[in-house]
Amino acid sequence: MNGNTLTIVLALLAPGGILAAMIERTRRENNRDHNRNSELLHKIDGKVDQIDGKVDKVDERLFAHLEDHWKKDR
């Protein structure tokens, strides 16, 4: 290959290499963001379970309280 041919080949291949590097970087960022979001969703799920347990306790206490009133009125 002479110098002109090499220059033409590099000029044609360089944009493809830059594009490939940009795609790879975007893929890595996407995977990182996906993993981070997955962790956050698991934490949220745990908090929702805690809140659900607290609501169940309040529901039981409220029902018992109303039942006491109902029994007193009879």
N, C-alpha and C. Protein backbone atom coordinates (compact mmCIF):
# COMPACT_ATOMS: atom_id res chain seq x y z
N MET A 1 0.84 -1.18 0.00
CA MET A 1 0.00 0.00 0.00
C MET A 1 0.89 1.24 0.00
N ASN A 2 0.53 2.14 -0.85
CA ASN A 2 1.29 3.39 -0.83
C ASN A 2 0.65 4.34 0.16
N GLY A 3 1.25 5.48 0.37
CA GLY A 3 0.82 6.44 1.38
C GLY A 3 -0.59 6.96 1.15
N ASN A 4 -0.94 7.19 -0.12
CA ASN A 4 -2.28 7.70 -0.42
C ASN A 4 -3.35 6.66 -0.12
N THR A 5 -3.06 5.42 -0.47
CA THR A 5 -4.03 4.34 -0.21
C THR A 5 -4.23 4.16 1.29
N LEU A 6 -3.15 4.18 2.05
CA LEU A 6 -3.23 4.03 3.49
C LEU A 6 -4.04 5.17 4.11
N THR A 7 -3.82 6.36 3.62
CA THR A 7 -4.57 7.52 4.12
C THR A 7 -6.07 7.36 3.84
N ILE A 8 -6.39 6.90 2.67
CA ILE A 8 -7.80 6.71 2.30
C ILE A 8 -8.44 5.62 3.15
N VAL A 9 -7.72 4.52 3.34
CA VAL A 9 -8.24 3.42 4.16
C VAL A 9 -8.47 3.90 5.59
N LEU A 10 -7.50 4.61 6.16
CA LEU A 10 -7.67 5.13 7.52
C LEU A 10 -8.81 6.14 7.61
N ALA A 11 -8.96 6.96 6.60
CA ALA A 11 -10.04 7.95 6.59
C ALA A 11 -11.40 7.27 6.53
N LEU A 12 -11.47 6.12 5.87
CA LEU A 12 -12.73 5.39 5.80
C LEU A 12 -13.01 4.60 7.08
N LEU A 13 -11.97 4.06 7.72
CA LEU A 13 -12.16 3.21 8.89
C LEU A 13 -12.26 3.99 10.20
N ALA A 14 -11.64 5.13 10.28
CA ALA A 14 -11.61 5.89 11.54
C ALA A 14 -13.00 6.23 12.06
N PRO A 15 -13.90 6.73 11.23
CA PRO A 15 -15.24 7.04 11.76
C PRO A 15 -15.95 5.80 12.33
N GLY A 16 -15.74 4.66 11.70
CA GLY A 16 -16.34 3.42 12.19
C GLY A 16 -15.80 3.06 13.56
N GLY A 17 -14.50 3.25 13.77
CA GLY A 17 -13.89 2.97 15.07
C GLY A 17 -14.40 3.91 16.14
N ILE A 18 -14.54 5.17 15.79
CA ILE A 18 -15.06 6.16 16.75
C ILE A 18 -16.50 5.82 17.10
N LEU A 19 -17.30 5.46 16.09
CA LEU A 19 -18.69 5.08 16.32
C LEU A 19 -18.78 3.84 17.20
N ALA A 20 -17.94 2.86 16.95
CA ALA A 20 -17.93 1.64 17.76
C ALA A 20 -17.59 1.95 19.21
N ALA A 21 -16.63 2.83 19.42
CA ALA A 21 -16.25 3.22 20.79
C ALA A 21 -17.40 3.95 21.48
N MET A 22 -18.10 4.81 20.75
CA MET A 22 -19.23 5.52 21.34
C MET A 22 -20.37 4.56 21.69
N ILE A 23 -20.63 3.60 20.84
CA ILE A 23 -21.67 2.61 21.10
C ILE A 23 -21.31 1.78 22.33
N GLU A 24 -20.07 1.37 22.43
CA GLU A 24 -19.62 0.57 23.58
C GLU A 24 -19.75 1.38 24.87
N ARG A 25 -19.38 2.64 24.84
CA ARG A 25 -19.50 3.48 26.04
C ARG A 25 -20.96 3.62 26.45
N THR A 26 -21.84 3.85 25.49
CA THR A 26 -23.26 3.98 25.77
C THR A 26 -23.81 2.68 26.35
N ARG A 27 -23.37 1.53 25.84
CA ARG A 27 -23.82 0.23 26.33
C ARG A 27 -23.40 0.04 27.78
N ARG A 28 -22.18 0.40 28.11
CA ARG A 28 -21.69 0.27 29.49
C ARG A 28 -22.46 1.18 30.44
N GLU A 29 -22.71 2.42 30.01
CA GLU A 29 -23.48 3.35 30.84
C GLU A 29 -24.90 2.82 31.06
N ASN A 30 -25.49 2.27 30.02
CA ASN A 30 -26.84 1.72 30.12
C ASN A 30 -26.87 0.56 31.12
N ASN A 31 -25.90 -0.32 31.05
CA ASN A 31 -25.84 -1.45 31.99
C ASN A 31 -25.65 -0.95 33.42
N ARG A 32 -24.78 0.04 33.61
CA ARG A 32 -24.56 0.60 34.93
C ARG A 32 -25.84 1.22 35.48
N ASP A 33 -26.51 2.01 34.64
CA ASP A 33 -27.75 2.65 35.06
C ASP A 33 -28.83 1.61 35.36
N HIS A 34 -28.90 0.57 34.56
CA HIS A 34 -29.88 -0.49 34.78
C HIS A 34 -29.64 -1.17 36.11
N ASN A 35 -28.40 -1.46 36.43
CA ASN A 35 -28.07 -2.10 37.71
C ASN A 35 -28.42 -1.18 38.88
N ARG A 36 -28.12 0.09 38.76
CA ARG A 36 -28.43 1.05 39.82
C ARG A 36 -29.94 1.13 40.03
N ASN A 37 -30.69 1.22 38.95
CA ASN A 37 -32.14 1.30 39.06
C ASN A 37 -32.74 0.03 39.64
N SER A 38 -32.17 -1.10 39.30
CA SER A 38 -32.64 -2.37 39.85
C SER A 38 -32.44 -2.40 41.36
N GLU A 39 -31.29 -1.94 41.83
CA GLU A 39 -31.03 -1.87 43.28
C GLU A 39 -32.03 -0.95 43.97
N LEU A 40 -32.30 0.20 43.36
CA LEU A 40 -33.26 1.14 43.95
C LEU A 40 -34.67 0.54 44.01
N LEU A 41 -35.06 -0.18 42.96
CA LEU A 41 -36.38 -0.79 42.97
C LEU A 41 -36.49 -1.86 44.05
N HIS A 42 -35.41 -2.61 44.29
CA HIS A 42 -35.42 -3.60 45.37
C HIS A 42 -35.56 -2.92 46.73
N LYS A 43 -34.88 -1.79 46.91
CA LYS A 43 -35.01 -1.06 48.17
C LYS A 43 -36.43 -0.54 48.35
N ILE A 44 -37.00 -0.01 47.28
CA ILE A 44 -38.38 0.49 47.34
C ILE A 44 -39.33 -0.65 47.68
N ASP A 45 -39.11 -1.81 47.08
CA ASP A 45 -39.96 -2.96 47.35
C ASP A 45 -39.91 -3.34 48.83
N GLY A 46 -38.73 -3.29 49.43
CA GLY A 46 -38.59 -3.59 50.85
C GLY A 46 -39.33 -2.58 51.70
N LYS A 47 -39.23 -1.29 51.33
CA LYS A 47 -39.94 -0.25 52.08
C LYS A 47 -41.46 -0.42 51.96
N VAL A 48 -41.93 -0.78 50.78
CA VAL A 48 -43.36 -1.00 50.59
C VAL A 48 -43.83 -2.16 51.47
N ASP A 49 -43.03 -3.20 51.57
CA ASP A 49 -43.38 -4.33 52.46
C ASP A 49 -43.45 -3.88 53.91
N GLN A 50 -42.52 -3.02 54.34
CA GLN A 50 -42.56 -2.50 55.70
C GLN A 50 -43.83 -1.69 55.95
N ILE A 51 -44.15 -0.83 55.01
CA ILE A 51 -45.35 0.00 55.13
C ILE A 51 -46.60 -0.88 55.16
N ASP A 52 -46.63 -1.89 54.33
CA ASP A 52 -47.76 -2.81 54.29
C ASP A 52 -47.96 -3.48 55.64
N GLY A 53 -46.86 -3.88 56.27
CA GLY A 53 -46.94 -4.48 57.60
C GLY A 53 -47.48 -3.51 58.63
N LYS A 54 -47.05 -2.26 58.55
CA LYS A 54 -47.54 -1.24 59.48
C LYS A 54 -49.03 -0.97 59.27
N VAL A 55 -49.45 -0.92 58.02
CA VAL A 55 -50.87 -0.70 57.72
C VAL A 55 -51.70 -1.86 58.27
N ASP A 56 -51.21 -3.07 58.13
CA ASP A 56 -51.92 -4.23 58.66
C ASP A 56 -52.08 -4.13 60.18
N LYS A 57 -51.04 -3.67 60.87
CA LYS A 57 -51.12 -3.52 62.33
C LYS A 57 -52.15 -2.47 62.70
N VAL A 58 -52.14 -1.33 62.00
CA VAL A 58 -53.10 -0.26 62.28
C VAL A 58 -54.51 -0.77 61.99
N ASP A 59 -54.67 -1.50 60.92
CA ASP A 59 -55.97 -2.05 60.56
C ASP A 59 -56.49 -2.98 61.66
N GLU A 60 -55.62 -3.84 62.17
CA GLU A 60 -56.01 -4.77 63.24
C GLU A 60 -56.39 -4.00 64.51
N ARG A 61 -55.60 -3.00 64.85
CA ARG A 61 -55.88 -2.22 66.07
C ARG A 61 -57.17 -1.42 65.93
N LEU A 62 -57.39 -0.85 64.75
CA LEU A 62 -58.60 -0.09 64.52
C LEU A 62 -59.82 -1.00 64.57
N PHE A 63 -59.72 -2.16 63.97
CA PHE A 63 -60.83 -3.11 63.99
C PHE A 63 -61.13 -3.53 65.43
N ALA A 64 -60.10 -3.81 66.21
CA ALA A 64 -60.30 -4.19 67.61
C ALA A 64 -60.96 -3.05 68.38
N HIS A 65 -60.54 -1.85 68.13
CA HIS A 65 -61.11 -0.68 68.80
C HIS A 65 -62.60 -0.53 68.45
N LEU A 66 -62.91 -0.64 67.18
CA LEU A 66 -64.32 -0.53 66.76
C LEU A 66 -65.15 -1.67 67.32
N GLU A 67 -64.57 -2.83 67.38
CA GLU A 67 -65.26 -3.99 67.94
C GLU A 67 -65.57 -3.76 69.42
N ASP A 68 -64.62 -3.16 70.16
CA ASP A 68 -64.87 -2.82 71.57
C ASP A 68 -66.05 -1.87 71.70
N HIS A 69 -66.11 -0.87 70.84
CA HIS A 69 -67.24 0.07 70.88
C HIS A 69 -68.55 -0.65 70.57
N TRP A 70 -68.51 -1.50 69.61
CA TRP A 70 -69.71 -2.24 69.20
C TRP A 70 -70.20 -3.11 70.37
N LYS A 71 -69.27 -3.77 71.05
CA LYS A 71 -69.64 -4.64 72.18
C LYS A 71 -70.21 -3.82 73.34
N LYS A 72 -69.67 -2.64 73.58
CA LYS A 72 -70.15 -1.79 74.68
C LYS A 72 -71.56 -1.28 74.40
N ASP A 73 -71.85 -1.03 73.13
CA ASP A 73 -73.17 -0.50 72.76
C ASP A 73 -74.25 -1.56 72.79
N ARG A 74 -73.93 -2.76 72.88
CA ARG A 74 -74.92 -3.85 72.85
C ARG A 74 -75.40 -4.16 74.18
